């Protein structure tokens, strides 16, 4: 059995998957493990939307692609670059065997009258959701799956909410694609000593 060290160091962002489907029970177990992440005040602000139907993934991908195209055209990028970026984004969502939209809800979080503490509470919720995402990705890798964290929903939350008819308090944070890797990927990290201070 793999140790936690091997699971953490072996995880990769996988963008190309084989045709093998991901079982519903497997996805359910991944979400259960994701929900064991620590959270601010133990409020567990994560919300999950399993995109089980291909037509729902395609609708979401198409609407997100349209929003991305409009943004890139506004940025006045070259047309060929726009087409390349939009096509890549659409393919990453629609070609994955499974996908989970991860959202955040402030419904159970504390509220404050002053903006500074309110912003901190919102950030605490976002950090909590990020920890759940990491749990999900590590659990997927431990079960032989690959996953990729896409933060594109942050750039078009209203588009995502409308495409999937989400509750108003479900704030889209990330899209996690899942599947069995088409091939193994290598990766590296800079020495942690370069990013560490001791005091």
Foldseek 3Di string as FASTA:
>chain_A
DDDPVCLVQQADAFQDFDPDADDPVLLVVLLVQLQVFDAVVNQSFKDKDKPQDLVLLQLLLVLLLVVQLVVVVVVVDDPVVNVVVSVSSSCSRNVFNIKMWMWGFCPRWDDDPDPVVRVVRVVRRVVRSVSSVVSSQSSQVVVQKHKHKAQSCVVPQVSNCVSVVHDPRTGTGTMMGMHHHPDGDDDDDDPCVVVDDDD
